[in-house]
Amino acid sequence: MTPMTVDLLLSQTYLHQLWQKHWPDKTGFVHNSASAFHQYESLFLSLCRDGRIYPLVARLQSMGPETYHHSLDVFLLGNVLADYLQMEMAELAAGFLLHDVGKTYISSYILQKSGTLTPEEWETVQEHPMRGYHLLRAHGLEDSIAHMALYHHERGNQTGYPFGLPAWELPAPLRLLSVVDVYSALTLPRSYRKALTPDQALYHLRKHTEELDAVYIHALLNILHTHEPDPGNPSS
């Protein structure tokens, strides 16, 4: 069987499109300049030179644009937010990029289904954090990276999965990842719904601070330069 490869040129194009989507102007913390974008583009390319990570990125890309766009989007948002908060990015970058690698075990029929999932299909979806964790460990990646796949769906009020843990007890990078993961998922189109606007997505996040860390929601709002959502008008 021929090994899967990563289309680096296409990946760089996707990254640039996402950058322009989030930061279309040249003001604030993130300057829409060639040098600022190049920092994160270079980080992505350096990860792809890692023999442990490259085949996993190839697996994600083989799933099609929906899953791969989201992985690149979380990579970009997560690293910019970590940079803004002056967090160490060395290990976080790989975790942001590969957090959903467990979805490569889920059929495209389930991932792209426009209707309601059956209980059995939802159970399959809920297995992807654990499967991602084991896949990352099998490729020799550190626990700190594999944990980003394992715990990114845990929530503060213990309504998440796979363990129903209180997310407030998890390390800060995992709470940050949960915020950017939800924001990215809401602002990218899905087979079952249209993408939300940035303000609509942030309004949704701010309504769920019992689940997601408000510190990182506020920091995300700052780096995106969006105005405070009007509680009475989520589309404002």
C-alpha atoms as a PDB file:
ATOM      1  CA  MET A   1       0.000   0.000   0.000  1.00  0.00           C
ATOM      2  CA  THR A   2       1.339   3.427  -0.967  1.00  0.00           C
ATOM      3  CA  PRO A   3       1.868   5.634   2.117  1.00  0.00           C
ATOM      4  CA  MET A   4      -0.426   8.652   2.367  1.00  0.00           C
ATOM      5  CA  THR A   5       1.229  12.006   1.764  1.00  0.00           C
ATOM      6  CA  VAL A   6       0.482  15.577   2.814  1.00  0.00           C
ATOM      7  CA  ASP A   7      -0.251  18.128   0.108  1.00  0.00           C
ATOM      8  CA  LEU A   8       1.801  20.891   1.705  1.00  0.00           C
ATOM      9  CA  LEU A   9       0.950  23.509  -0.906  1.00  0.00           C
ATOM     10  CA  LEU A  10      -2.777  22.933  -0.410  1.00  0.00           C
ATOM     11  CA  SER A  11      -2.286  22.976   3.365  1.00  0.00           C
ATOM     12  CA  GLN A  12      -0.493  26.316   3.178  1.00  0.00           C
ATOM     13  CA  THR A  13      -3.299  27.673   0.999  1.00  0.00           C
ATOM     14  CA  TYR A  14      -5.883  26.568   3.572  1.00  0.00           C
ATOM     15  CA  LEU A  15      -3.868  28.148   6.387  1.00  0.00           C
ATOM     16  CA  HIS A  16      -3.638  31.436   4.530  1.00  0.00           C
ATOM     17  CA  GLN A  17      -7.380  31.423   3.827  1.00  0.00           C
ATOM     18  CA  LEU A  18      -8.113  30.827   7.508  1.00  0.00           C
ATOM     19  CA  TRP A  19      -5.701  33.592   8.497  1.00  0.00           C
ATOM     20  CA  GLN A  20      -7.479  36.045   6.201  1.00  0.00           C
ATOM     21  CA  LYS A  21     -10.832  34.915   7.575  1.00  0.00           C
ATOM     22  CA  HIS A  22      -9.903  35.592  11.204  1.00  0.00           C
ATOM     23  CA  TRP A  23      -7.680  38.642  10.731  1.00  0.00           C
ATOM     24  CA  PRO A  24      -8.689  40.552   7.581  1.00  0.00           C
ATOM     25  CA  ASP A  25      -7.276  43.878   8.813  1.00  0.00           C
ATOM     26  CA  LYS A  26      -3.860  44.969  10.079  1.00  0.00           C
ATOM     27  CA  THR A  27      -4.634  46.173  13.592  1.00  0.00           C
ATOM     28  CA  GLY A  28      -4.503  44.810  17.119  1.00  0.00           C
ATOM     29  CA  PHE A  29      -2.498  41.963  18.595  1.00  0.00           C
ATOM     30  CA  VAL A  30      -2.380  40.002  15.346  1.00  0.00           C
ATOM     31  CA  HIS A  31      -1.021  42.015  12.453  1.00  0.00           C
ATOM     32  CA  ASN A  32      -2.077  40.703   9.082  1.00  0.00           C
ATOM     33  CA  SER A  33       1.449  40.835   7.720  1.00  0.00           C
ATOM     34  CA  ALA A  34       3.590  38.345   5.861  1.00  0.00           C
ATOM     35  CA  SER A  35       5.954  37.951   8.811  1.00  0.00           C
ATOM     36  CA  ALA A  36       3.153  37.246  11.330  1.00  0.00           C
ATOM     37  CA  PHE A  37       1.527  34.618   9.137  1.00  0.00           C
ATOM     38  CA  HIS A  38       4.903  33.121   8.269  1.00  0.00           C
ATOM     39  CA  GLN A  39       5.563  32.394  11.963  1.00  0.00           C
ATOM     40  CA  TYR A  40       2.628  29.983  12.159  1.00  0.00           C
ATOM     41  CA  GLU A  41       3.063  28.632   8.657  1.00  0.00           C
ATOM     42  CA  SER A  42       6.674  27.766   9.515  1.00  0.00           C
ATOM     43  CA  LEU A  43       5.512  26.091  12.719  1.00  0.00           C
ATOM     44  CA  PHE A  44       3.126  23.904  10.717  1.00  0.00           C
ATOM     45  CA  LEU A  45       5.837  22.954   8.225  1.00  0.00           C
ATOM     46  CA  SER A  46       8.237  22.102  11.046  1.00  0.00           C
ATOM     47  CA  LEU A  47       5.655  19.725  12.529  1.00  0.00           C
ATOM     48  CA  CYS A  48       5.276  18.035   9.141  1.00  0.00           C
ATOM     49  CA  ARG A  49       9.015  17.351   9.124  1.00  0.00           C
ATOM     50  CA  ASP A  50       8.561  15.236  12.256  1.00  0.00           C
ATOM     51  CA  GLY A  51       8.351  11.607  11.160  1.00  0.00           C
ATOM     52  CA  ARG A  52       5.891  10.808  13.943  1.00  0.00           C
ATOM     53  CA  ILE A  53       3.503  13.628  13.027  1.00  0.00           C
ATOM     54  CA  TYR A  54       3.618  13.627   9.215  1.00  0.00           C
ATOM     55  CA  PRO A  55       1.618  10.390   8.689  1.00  0.00           C
ATOM     56  CA  LEU A  56      -1.031  11.595  11.140  1.00  0.00           C
ATOM     57  CA  VAL A  57      -1.437  14.885   9.257  1.00  0.00           C
ATOM     58  CA  ALA A  58      -1.734  12.816   6.064  1.00  0.00           C
ATOM     59  CA  ARG A  59      -4.515  10.775   7.686  1.00  0.00           C
ATOM     60  CA  LEU A  60      -6.389  13.956   8.604  1.00  0.00           C
ATOM     61  CA  GLN A  61      -6.023  15.400   5.117  1.00  0.00           C
ATOM     62  CA  SER A  62      -7.297  12.151   3.591  1.00  0.00           C
ATOM     63  CA  MET A  63     -10.576  12.634   5.488  1.00  0.00           C
ATOM     64  CA  GLY A  64     -11.489  15.566   3.249  1.00  0.00           C
ATOM     65  CA  PRO A  65     -11.673  19.330   3.683  1.00  0.00           C
ATOM     66  CA  GLU A  66     -14.231  19.476   6.517  1.00  0.00           C
ATOM     67  CA  THR A  67     -12.129  17.612   9.089  1.00  0.00           C
ATOM     68  CA  TYR A  68      -8.811  18.935   7.765  1.00  0.00           C
ATOM     69  CA  HIS A  69      -9.930  22.586   7.655  1.00  0.00           C
ATOM     70  CA  HIS A  70     -11.049  22.291  11.264  1.00  0.00           C
ATOM     71  CA  SER A  71      -7.718  20.747  12.326  1.00  0.00           C
ATOM     72  CA  LEU A  72      -5.761  23.551  10.634  1.00  0.00           C
ATOM     73  CA  ASP A  73      -8.133  26.164  12.053  1.00  0.00           C
ATOM     74  CA  VAL A  74      -7.702  24.907  15.620  1.00  0.00           C
ATOM     75  CA  PHE A  75      -3.940  24.768  15.047  1.00  0.00           C
ATOM     76  CA  LEU A  76      -3.927  28.408  13.933  1.00  0.00           C
ATOM     77  CA  LEU A  77      -6.335  29.787  16.538  1.00  0.00           C
ATOM     78  CA  GLY A  78      -4.820  27.751  19.346  1.00  0.00           C
ATOM     79  CA  ASN A  79      -1.262  28.833  18.652  1.00  0.00           C
ATOM     80  CA  VAL A  80      -2.136  32.500  18.199  1.00  0.00           C
ATOM     81  CA  LEU A  81      -4.101  32.432  21.463  1.00  0.00           C
ATOM     82  CA  ALA A  82      -1.297  30.601  23.298  1.00  0.00           C
ATOM     83  CA  ASP A  83       1.179  33.145  21.929  1.00  0.00           C
ATOM     84  CA  TYR A  84      -1.064  35.999  23.106  1.00  0.00           C
ATOM     85  CA  LEU A  85      -1.218  34.477  26.587  1.00  0.00           C
ATOM     86  CA  GLN A  86       2.555  33.814  26.561  1.00  0.00           C
ATOM     87  CA  MET A  87       2.107  30.073  26.968  1.00  0.00           C
ATOM     88  CA  GLU A  88       4.792  27.608  25.875  1.00  0.00           C
ATOM     89  CA  MET A  89       3.820  26.503  22.360  1.00  0.00           C
ATOM     90  CA  ALA A  90       6.380  23.769  21.606  1.00  0.00           C
ATOM     91  CA  GLU A  91       4.175  20.795  22.525  1.00  0.00           C
ATOM     92  CA  LEU A  92       0.841  22.586  22.272  1.00  0.00           C
ATOM     93  CA  ALA A  93       1.211  23.095  18.517  1.00  0.00           C
ATOM     94  CA  ALA A  94       1.141  19.378  17.731  1.00  0.00           C
ATOM     95  CA  GLY A  95      -1.785  18.836  20.098  1.00  0.00           C
ATOM     96  CA  PHE A  96      -3.823  21.588  18.464  1.00  0.00           C
ATOM     97  CA  LEU A  97      -3.166  20.141  15.003  1.00  0.00           C
ATOM     98  CA  LEU A  98      -3.826  16.502  15.902  1.00  0.00           C
ATOM     99  CA  HIS A  99      -6.577  16.810  18.521  1.00  0.00           C
ATOM    100  CA  ASP A 100      -9.192  15.280  16.184  1.00  0.00           C
ATOM    101  CA  VAL A 101      -7.049  12.535  14.664  1.00  0.00           C
ATOM    102  CA  GLY A 102      -9.321   9.953  16.272  1.00  0.00           C
ATOM    103  CA  LYS A 103     -12.010  10.984  13.784  1.00  0.00           C
ATOM    104  CA  THR A 104     -10.030   9.181  11.099  1.00  0.00           C
ATOM    105  CA  TYR A 105     -11.606   5.996  12.491  1.00  0.00           C
ATOM    106  CA  ILE A 106     -15.149   7.319  11.898  1.00  0.00           C
ATOM    107  CA  SER A 107     -16.877   6.767   8.565  1.00  0.00           C
ATOM    108  CA  SER A 108     -17.465   9.783   6.350  1.00  0.00           C
ATOM    109  CA  TYR A 109     -21.156   8.794   6.324  1.00  0.00           C
ATOM    110  CA  ILE A 110     -21.399   9.574  10.047  1.00  0.00           C
ATOM    111  CA  LEU A 111     -19.199  12.673   9.961  1.00  0.00           C
ATOM    112  CA  GLN A 112     -21.111  14.197   7.044  1.00  0.00           C
ATOM    113  CA  LYS A 113     -24.595  13.040   7.981  1.00  0.00           C
ATOM    114  CA  SER A 114     -27.097  15.870   7.656  1.00  0.00           C
ATOM    115  CA  GLY A 115     -29.733  14.285   9.878  1.00  0.00           C
ATOM    116  CA  THR A 116     -29.767  13.301  13.542  1.00  0.00           C
ATOM    117  CA  LEU A 117     -27.265  10.649  14.547  1.00  0.00           C
ATOM    118  CA  THR A 118     -28.591   7.364  15.856  1.00  0.00           C
ATOM    119  CA  PRO A 119     -27.563   6.379  19.408  1.00  0.00           C
ATOM    120  CA  GLU A 120     -25.084   3.913  17.913  1.00  0.00           C
ATOM    121  CA  GLU A 121     -23.591   6.570  15.623  1.00  0.00           C
ATOM    122  CA  TRP A 122     -23.278   9.050  18.500  1.00  0.00           C
ATOM    123  CA  GLU A 123     -21.518   6.384  20.548  1.00  0.00           C
ATOM    124  CA  THR A 124     -19.047   5.947  17.677  1.00  0.00           C
ATOM    125  CA  VAL A 125     -18.392   9.701  17.577  1.00  0.00           C
ATOM    126  CA  GLN A 126     -17.770   9.756  21.322  1.00  0.00           C
ATOM    127  CA  GLU A 127     -15.040   7.162  20.907  1.00  0.00           C
ATOM    128  CA  HIS A 128     -12.799   9.468  18.853  1.00  0.00           C
ATOM    129  CA  PRO A 129     -10.964  11.130  21.793  1.00  0.00           C
ATOM    130  CA  MET A 130      -9.864   7.772  23.190  1.00  0.00           C
ATOM    131  CA  ARG A 131      -8.955   6.412  19.772  1.00  0.00           C
ATOM    132  CA  GLY A 132      -6.991   9.566  19.010  1.00  0.00           C
ATOM    133  CA  TYR A 133      -5.104   9.250  22.290  1.00  0.00           C
ATOM    134  CA  HIS A 134      -4.053   5.676  21.553  1.00  0.00           C
ATOM    135  CA  LEU A 135      -3.073   6.555  17.977  1.00  0.00           C
ATOM    136  CA  LEU A 136      -0.867   9.444  19.117  1.00  0.00           C
ATOM    137  CA  ARG A 137       0.803   7.299  21.764  1.00  0.00           C
ATOM    138  CA  ALA A 138       1.335   4.515  19.209  1.00  0.00           C
ATOM    139  CA  HIS A 139       3.214   7.034  17.059  1.00  0.00           C
ATOM    140  CA  GLY A 140       5.497   7.881  19.973  1.00  0.00           C
ATOM    141  CA  LEU A 141       4.029  11.253  20.859  1.00  0.00           C
ATOM    142  CA  GLU A 142       4.178  12.468  24.444  1.00  0.00           C
ATOM    143  CA  ASP A 143       1.287  12.120  26.883  1.00  0.00           C
ATOM    144  CA  SER A 144       0.935  15.908  27.010  1.00  0.00           C
ATOM    145  CA  ILE A 145       0.113  15.894  23.282  1.00  0.00           C
ATOM    146  CA  ALA A 146      -2.031  12.752  23.379  1.00  0.00           C
ATOM    147  CA  HIS A 147      -4.029  14.182  26.289  1.00  0.00           C
ATOM    148  CA  MET A 148      -5.147  17.035  24.027  1.00  0.00           C
ATOM    149  CA  ALA A 149      -6.934  14.453  21.891  1.00  0.00           C
ATOM    150  CA  LEU A 150      -8.248  12.566  24.913  1.00  0.00           C
ATOM    151  CA  TYR A 151      -9.714  15.447  26.929  1.00  0.00           C
ATOM    152  CA  HIS A 152     -10.779  18.158  24.451  1.00  0.00           C
ATOM    153  CA  HIS A 153     -14.473  17.267  24.806  1.00  0.00           C
ATOM    154  CA  GLU A 154     -14.550  17.326  28.610  1.00  0.00           C
ATOM    155  CA  ARG A 155     -16.601  20.168  30.096  1.00  0.00           C
ATOM    156  CA  GLY A 156     -16.607  22.156  33.321  1.00  0.00           C
ATOM    157  CA  ASN A 157     -20.051  20.908  34.348  1.00  0.00           C
ATOM    158  CA  GLN A 158     -19.074  17.279  33.668  1.00  0.00           C
ATOM    159  CA  THR A 159     -21.382  16.933  30.652  1.00  0.00           C
ATOM    160  CA  GLY A 160     -18.524  16.143  28.253  1.00  0.00           C
ATOM    161  CA  TYR A 161     -16.960  12.897  27.114  1.00  0.00           C
ATOM    162  CA  PRO A 162     -15.348  10.358  27.197  1.00  0.00           C
ATOM    163  CA  PHE A 163     -15.096  10.450  31.008  1.00  0.00           C
ATOM    164  CA  GLY A 164     -17.430  13.244  32.154  1.00  0.00           C
ATOM    165  CA  LEU A 165     -14.598  14.866  34.101  1.00  0.00           C
ATOM    166  CA  PRO A 166     -14.827  18.379  35.605  1.00  0.00           C
ATOM    167  CA  ALA A 167     -12.762  20.267  33.026  1.00  0.00           C
ATOM    168  CA  TRP A 168     -11.730  22.918  35.567  1.00  0.00           C
ATOM    169  CA  GLU A 169      -9.363  20.318  37.018  1.00  0.00           C
ATOM    170  CA  LEU A 170      -7.618  19.786  33.670  1.00  0.00           C
ATOM    171  CA  PRO A 171      -4.439  21.700  32.715  1.00  0.00           C
ATOM    172  CA  ALA A 172      -4.811  25.142  31.155  1.00  0.00           C
ATOM    173  CA  PRO A 173      -3.837  24.070  27.598  1.00  0.00           C
ATOM    174  CA  LEU A 174      -6.718  21.591  27.528  1.00  0.00           C
ATOM    175  CA  ARG A 175      -9.230  24.231  28.629  1.00  0.00           C
ATOM    176  CA  LEU A 176      -7.866  26.602  25.978  1.00  0.00           C
ATOM    177  CA  LEU A 177      -8.156  23.895  23.320  1.00  0.00           C
ATOM    178  CA  SER A 178     -11.798  23.240  24.200  1.00  0.00           C
ATOM    179  CA  VAL A 179     -12.644  26.900  23.602  1.00  0.00           C
ATOM    180  CA  VAL A 180     -10.951  27.211  20.210  1.00  0.00           C
ATOM    181  CA  ASP A 181     -12.266  23.772  19.172  1.00  0.00           C
ATOM    182  CA  VAL A 182     -15.876  24.838  19.765  1.00  0.00           C
ATOM    183  CA  TYR A 183     -15.352  28.271  18.195  1.00  0.00           C
ATOM    184  CA  SER A 184     -13.798  26.758  15.074  1.00  0.00           C
ATOM    185  CA  ALA A 185     -16.524  24.121  14.742  1.00  0.00           C
ATOM    186  CA  LEU A 186     -19.219  26.798  14.974  1.00  0.00           C
ATOM    187  CA  THR A 187     -17.632  29.141  12.414  1.00  0.00           C
ATOM    188  CA  LEU A 188     -16.934  26.506   9.756  1.00  0.00           C
ATOM    189  CA  PRO A 189     -19.793  25.123   7.622  1.00  0.00           C
ATOM    190  CA  ARG A 190     -21.041  21.635   8.354  1.00  0.00           C
ATOM    191  CA  SER A 191     -23.200  19.286   6.320  1.00  0.00           C
ATOM    192  CA  TYR A 192     -26.026  19.796   8.824  1.00  0.00           C
ATOM    193  CA  ARG A 193     -25.817  23.605   9.288  1.00  0.00           C
ATOM    194  CA  LYS A 194     -24.378  26.858   8.008  1.00  0.00           C
ATOM    195  CA  ALA A 195     -21.370  28.482   9.646  1.00  0.00           C
ATOM    196  CA  LEU A 196     -22.069  31.017  12.380  1.00  0.00           C
ATOM    197  CA  THR A 197     -20.574  34.490  12.245  1.00  0.00           C
ATOM    198  CA  PRO A 198     -17.732  35.230  14.690  1.00  0.00           C
ATOM    199  CA  ASP A 199     -20.071  37.275  16.910  1.00  0.00           C
ATOM    200  CA  GLN A 200     -22.724  34.557  16.920  1.00  0.00           C
ATOM    201  CA  ALA A 201     -20.111  31.935  17.842  1.00  0.00           C
ATOM    202  CA  LEU A 202     -18.671  34.047  20.653  1.00  0.00           C
ATOM    203  CA  TYR A 203     -22.166  34.731  21.963  1.00  0.00           C
ATOM    204  CA  HIS A 204     -22.715  30.963  22.066  1.00  0.00           C
ATOM    205  CA  LEU A 205     -19.449  30.459  23.965  1.00  0.00           C
ATOM    206  CA  ARG A 206     -20.301  33.169  26.477  1.00  0.00           C
ATOM    207  CA  LYS A 207     -23.631  31.460  27.186  1.00  0.00           C
ATOM    208  CA  HIS A 208     -21.800  28.262  28.112  1.00  0.00           C
ATOM    209  CA  THR A 209     -19.228  29.421  30.662  1.00  0.00           C
ATOM    210  CA  GLU A 210     -20.387  26.618  32.954  1.00  0.00           C
ATOM    211  CA  GLU A 211     -18.803  24.317  30.364  1.00  0.00           C
ATOM    212  CA  LEU A 212     -15.965  26.394  28.859  1.00  0.00           C
ATOM    213  CA  ASP A 213     -13.351  28.561  30.563  1.00  0.00           C
ATOM    214  CA  ALA A 214     -14.402  32.236  30.412  1.00  0.00           C
ATOM    215  CA  VAL A 215     -10.761  33.347  30.661  1.00  0.00           C
ATOM    216  CA  TYR A 216      -9.991  31.825  27.278  1.00  0.00           C
ATOM    217  CA  ILE A 217     -13.279  32.951  25.750  1.00  0.00           C
ATOM    218  CA  HIS A 218     -12.415  36.546  26.667  1.00  0.00           C
ATOM    219  CA  ALA A 219      -8.858  36.165  25.373  1.00  0.00           C
ATOM    220  CA  LEU A 220     -10.192  34.740  22.097  1.00  0.00           C
ATOM    221  CA  LEU A 221     -12.504  37.719  21.759  1.00  0.00           C
ATOM    222  CA  ASN A 222      -9.487  39.999  22.228  1.00  0.00           C
ATOM    223  CA  ILE A 223      -7.348  38.400  19.533  1.00  0.00           C
ATOM    224  CA  LEU A 224     -10.210  38.318  17.039  1.00  0.00           C
ATOM    225  CA  HIS A 225     -10.953  42.053  17.533  1.00  0.00           C
ATOM    226  CA  THR A 226     -14.671  41.427  17.474  1.00  0.00           C
ATOM    227  CA  HIS A 227     -16.985  43.597  19.547  1.00  0.00           C
ATOM    228  CA  GLU A 228     -18.745  42.329  22.658  1.00  0.00           C
ATOM    229  CA  PRO A 229     -21.814  40.394  21.530  1.00  0.00           C
ATOM    230  CA  ASP A 230     -25.115  41.999  22.509  1.00  0.00           C
ATOM    231  CA  PRO A 231     -26.847  39.474  24.811  1.00  0.00           C
ATOM    232  CA  GLY A 232     -30.182  40.495  23.323  1.00  0.00           C
ATOM    233  CA  ASN A 233     -29.048  40.016  19.754  1.00  0.00           C
ATOM    234  CA  PRO A 234     -26.690  37.128  19.044  1.00  0.00           C
ATOM    235  CA  SER A 235     -26.295  38.204  15.425  1.00  0.00           C
ATOM    236  CA  SER A 236     -25.274  41.771  16.298  1.00  0.00           C
END
